[in-house]
Amino acid sequence: MTTALDWETFMDGIVADIDGLAREIPDTARGFAAMGKAAKTPGALDEKTKEIMALGIAIATRCDSCIGFHIRALIRLGITRAELCEALAMAVYMGGGPSYAYSAKALRAFDVFGAAARDP
């Protein structure tokens, strides 16, 4: 029997791990951050659309930490549960069974991080 991922604890650990790696490879970390900033800058597509695309890729590549980062960003950008579920349906359609399971993880992350964002 598997247990549900504790998203808050998991993401705290991932952030700590990434921070540690960034101290070891600062030039690469700065380059990655610059690339992310450039990719997310609104242009023909707004940042929310780009984050929805990133979430779909995170689901398809089965990256739990990526799901957490992009769900957090989408909550910050005001995604609704209905919008998220439509995006997850597309991810399932494109990725089949594995994407179905990882879409469920993304929805759970939304519930966890969304509740934290609503609590004072």
C-alpha atoms as a PDB file:
ATOM      1  CA  MET A   1       0.000   0.000   0.000  1.00  0.00           C
ATOM      2  CA  THR A   2       1.365   3.416  -0.939  1.00  0.00           C
ATOM      3  CA  THR A   3       0.795   6.541   1.082  1.00  0.00           C
ATOM      4  CA  ALA A   4      -0.143   9.944  -0.259  1.00  0.00           C
ATOM      5  CA  LEU A   5       2.702  12.304  -0.889  1.00  0.00           C
ATOM      6  CA  ASP A   6       3.084  14.954   1.829  1.00  0.00           C
ATOM      7  CA  TRP A   7       3.407  17.803  -0.648  1.00  0.00           C
ATOM      8  CA  GLU A   8       4.509  20.478   1.829  1.00  0.00           C
ATOM      9  CA  THR A   9       7.310  18.370   3.332  1.00  0.00           C
ATOM     10  CA  PHE A  10       8.322  17.000  -0.066  1.00  0.00           C
ATOM     11  CA  MET A  11       8.614  20.446  -1.621  1.00  0.00           C
ATOM     12  CA  ASP A  12      10.489  21.849   1.390  1.00  0.00           C
ATOM     13  CA  GLY A  13      13.040  19.059   0.905  1.00  0.00           C
ATOM     14  CA  ILE A  14      13.290  19.615  -2.851  1.00  0.00           C
ATOM     15  CA  VAL A  15      13.840  23.352  -2.396  1.00  0.00           C
ATOM     16  CA  ALA A  16      16.564  22.655   0.173  1.00  0.00           C
ATOM     17  CA  ASP A  17      18.210  20.137  -2.158  1.00  0.00           C
ATOM     18  CA  ILE A  18      18.085  22.532  -5.114  1.00  0.00           C
ATOM     19  CA  ASP A  19      19.491  25.351  -2.981  1.00  0.00           C
ATOM     20  CA  GLY A  20      22.371  23.082  -1.962  1.00  0.00           C
ATOM     21  CA  LEU A  21      23.090  22.133  -5.548  1.00  0.00           C
ATOM     22  CA  ALA A  22      22.887  25.784  -6.643  1.00  0.00           C
ATOM     23  CA  ARG A  23      25.644  26.657  -4.153  1.00  0.00           C
ATOM     24  CA  GLU A  24      27.851  24.024  -5.805  1.00  0.00           C
ATOM     25  CA  ILE A  25      27.074  25.040  -9.400  1.00  0.00           C
ATOM     26  CA  PRO A  26      26.197  28.750  -9.169  1.00  0.00           C
ATOM     27  CA  ASP A  27      26.802  29.607 -12.831  1.00  0.00           C
ATOM     28  CA  THR A  28      24.506  26.810 -13.978  1.00  0.00           C
ATOM     29  CA  ALA A  29      21.888  27.770 -11.392  1.00  0.00           C
ATOM     30  CA  ARG A  30      21.945  31.417 -12.508  1.00  0.00           C
ATOM     31  CA  GLY A  31      21.688  30.327 -16.146  1.00  0.00           C
ATOM     32  CA  PHE A  32      18.738  28.046 -15.398  1.00  0.00           C
ATOM     33  CA  ALA A  33      16.986  30.838 -13.463  1.00  0.00           C
ATOM     34  CA  ALA A  34      17.557  33.277 -16.335  1.00  0.00           C
ATOM     35  CA  MET A  35      16.179  30.755 -18.822  1.00  0.00           C
ATOM     36  CA  GLY A  36      13.091  30.226 -16.668  1.00  0.00           C
ATOM     37  CA  LYS A  37      12.512  33.963 -16.322  1.00  0.00           C
ATOM     38  CA  ALA A  38      12.821  34.445 -20.083  1.00  0.00           C
ATOM     39  CA  ALA A  39      10.518  31.509 -20.864  1.00  0.00           C
ATOM     40  CA  LYS A  40       7.825  32.737 -18.460  1.00  0.00           C
ATOM     41  CA  THR A  41       7.862  36.364 -19.596  1.00  0.00           C
ATOM     42  CA  PRO A  42       4.469  37.191 -21.106  1.00  0.00           C
ATOM     43  CA  GLY A  43       4.450  37.621 -24.860  1.00  0.00           C
ATOM     44  CA  ALA A  44       2.047  36.033 -27.325  1.00  0.00           C
ATOM     45  CA  LEU A  45       1.166  33.675 -24.439  1.00  0.00           C
ATOM     46  CA  ASP A  46       0.559  34.840 -20.888  1.00  0.00           C
ATOM     47  CA  GLU A  47       2.447  33.365 -17.947  1.00  0.00           C
ATOM     48  CA  LYS A  48      -0.540  31.302 -16.792  1.00  0.00           C
ATOM     49  CA  THR A  49      -0.826  29.585 -20.185  1.00  0.00           C
ATOM     50  CA  LYS A  50       2.903  28.862 -20.142  1.00  0.00           C
ATOM     51  CA  GLU A  51       2.668  27.385 -16.641  1.00  0.00           C
ATOM     52  CA  ILE A  52      -0.241  25.170 -17.725  1.00  0.00           C
ATOM     53  CA  MET A  53       1.973  23.902 -20.561  1.00  0.00           C
ATOM     54  CA  ALA A  54       4.824  23.312 -18.110  1.00  0.00           C
ATOM     55  CA  LEU A  55       2.498  21.359 -15.817  1.00  0.00           C
ATOM     56  CA  GLY A  56       1.475  19.127 -18.723  1.00  0.00           C
ATOM     57  CA  ILE A  57       5.123  18.420 -19.465  1.00  0.00           C
ATOM     58  CA  ALA A  58       5.797  17.753 -15.766  1.00  0.00           C
ATOM     59  CA  ILE A  59       2.973  15.218 -15.738  1.00  0.00           C
ATOM     60  CA  ALA A  60       4.158  13.563 -18.961  1.00  0.00           C
ATOM     61  CA  THR A  61       7.732  13.283 -17.645  1.00  0.00           C
ATOM     62  CA  ARG A  62       6.496  12.097 -14.223  1.00  0.00           C
ATOM     63  CA  CYS A  63       8.368  14.764 -12.262  1.00  0.00           C
ATOM     64  CA  ASP A  64       6.823  15.197  -8.811  1.00  0.00           C
ATOM     65  CA  SER A  65       8.935  18.226  -7.933  1.00  0.00           C
ATOM     66  CA  CYS A  66       8.079  19.901 -11.259  1.00  0.00           C
ATOM     67  CA  ILE A  67       4.388  19.288 -10.570  1.00  0.00           C
ATOM     68  CA  GLY A  68       4.779  20.959  -7.183  1.00  0.00           C
ATOM     69  CA  PHE A  69       6.610  23.991  -8.571  1.00  0.00           C
ATOM     70  CA  HIS A  70       4.146  24.525 -11.420  1.00  0.00           C
ATOM     71  CA  ILE A  71       1.049  23.978  -9.263  1.00  0.00           C
ATOM     72  CA  ARG A  72       2.389  26.584  -6.822  1.00  0.00           C
ATOM     73  CA  ALA A  73       2.970  28.993  -9.711  1.00  0.00           C
ATOM     74  CA  LEU A  74      -0.508  28.351 -11.123  1.00  0.00           C
ATOM     75  CA  ILE A  75      -2.115  29.022  -7.747  1.00  0.00           C
ATOM     76  CA  ARG A  76      -0.181  32.300  -7.569  1.00  0.00           C
ATOM     77  CA  LEU A  77      -1.484  33.102 -11.060  1.00  0.00           C
ATOM     78  CA  GLY A  78      -5.077  32.394 -10.032  1.00  0.00           C
ATOM     79  CA  ILE A  79      -5.900  29.117 -11.775  1.00  0.00           C
ATOM     80  CA  THR A  80      -9.285  27.759 -10.835  1.00  0.00           C
ATOM     81  CA  ARG A  81      -9.968  24.146 -10.052  1.00  0.00           C
ATOM     82  CA  ALA A  82     -12.096  23.929 -13.225  1.00  0.00           C
ATOM     83  CA  GLU A  83      -9.257  25.300 -15.387  1.00  0.00           C
ATOM     84  CA  LEU A  84      -6.807  22.912 -13.767  1.00  0.00           C
ATOM     85  CA  CYS A  85      -9.065  19.918 -14.298  1.00  0.00           C
ATOM     86  CA  GLU A  86      -9.455  20.773 -18.005  1.00  0.00           C
ATOM     87  CA  ALA A  87      -5.667  20.992 -18.321  1.00  0.00           C
ATOM     88  CA  LEU A  88      -5.328  17.668 -16.495  1.00  0.00           C
ATOM     89  CA  ALA A  89      -7.845  16.064 -18.848  1.00  0.00           C
ATOM     90  CA  MET A  90      -5.671  17.139 -21.776  1.00  0.00           C
ATOM     91  CA  ALA A  91      -2.565  15.758 -20.051  1.00  0.00           C
ATOM     92  CA  VAL A  92      -4.323  12.414 -19.557  1.00  0.00           C
ATOM     93  CA  TYR A  93      -5.455  12.363 -23.173  1.00  0.00           C
ATOM     94  CA  MET A  94      -1.913  12.998 -24.419  1.00  0.00           C
ATOM     95  CA  GLY A  95      -0.087  10.791 -21.925  1.00  0.00           C
ATOM     96  CA  GLY A  96      -2.394   7.870 -21.196  1.00  0.00           C
ATOM     97  CA  GLY A  97      -2.347   5.858 -17.973  1.00  0.00           C
ATOM     98  CA  PRO A  98       0.836   7.260 -16.416  1.00  0.00           C
ATOM     99  CA  SER A  99      -0.390  10.806 -17.019  1.00  0.00           C
ATOM    100  CA  TYR A 100      -3.719   9.854 -15.446  1.00  0.00           C
ATOM    101  CA  ALA A 101      -1.932   8.854 -12.230  1.00  0.00           C
ATOM    102  CA  TYR A 102       0.301  11.941 -12.249  1.00  0.00           C
ATOM    103  CA  SER A 103      -2.674  14.197 -12.998  1.00  0.00           C
ATOM    104  CA  ALA A 104      -4.248  12.852  -9.804  1.00  0.00           C
ATOM    105  CA  LYS A 105      -1.052  13.837  -7.988  1.00  0.00           C
ATOM    106  CA  ALA A 106      -1.241  17.328  -9.496  1.00  0.00           C
ATOM    107  CA  LEU A 107      -4.846  17.725  -8.351  1.00  0.00           C
ATOM    108  CA  ARG A 108      -3.870  16.655  -4.841  1.00  0.00           C
ATOM    109  CA  ALA A 109      -0.989  19.167  -4.855  1.00  0.00           C
ATOM    110  CA  PHE A 110      -3.478  21.860  -5.919  1.00  0.00           C
ATOM    111  CA  ASP A 111      -5.728  20.951  -2.999  1.00  0.00           C
ATOM    112  CA  VAL A 112      -2.825  21.073  -0.529  1.00  0.00           C
ATOM    113  CA  PHE A 113      -1.152  24.247  -1.782  1.00  0.00           C
ATOM    114  CA  GLY A 114      -4.452  25.963  -2.579  1.00  0.00           C
ATOM    115  CA  ALA A 115      -5.705  25.386   0.955  1.00  0.00           C
ATOM    116  CA  ALA A 116      -2.451  26.780   2.329  1.00  0.00           C
ATOM    117  CA  ALA A 117      -2.820  29.862   0.118  1.00  0.00           C
ATOM    118  CA  ARG A 118      -6.374  30.458   1.408  1.00  0.00           C
ATOM    119  CA  ASP A 119      -5.502  30.013   5.094  1.00  0.00           C
ATOM    120  CA  PRO A 120      -4.424  33.198   6.865  1.00  0.00           C
END
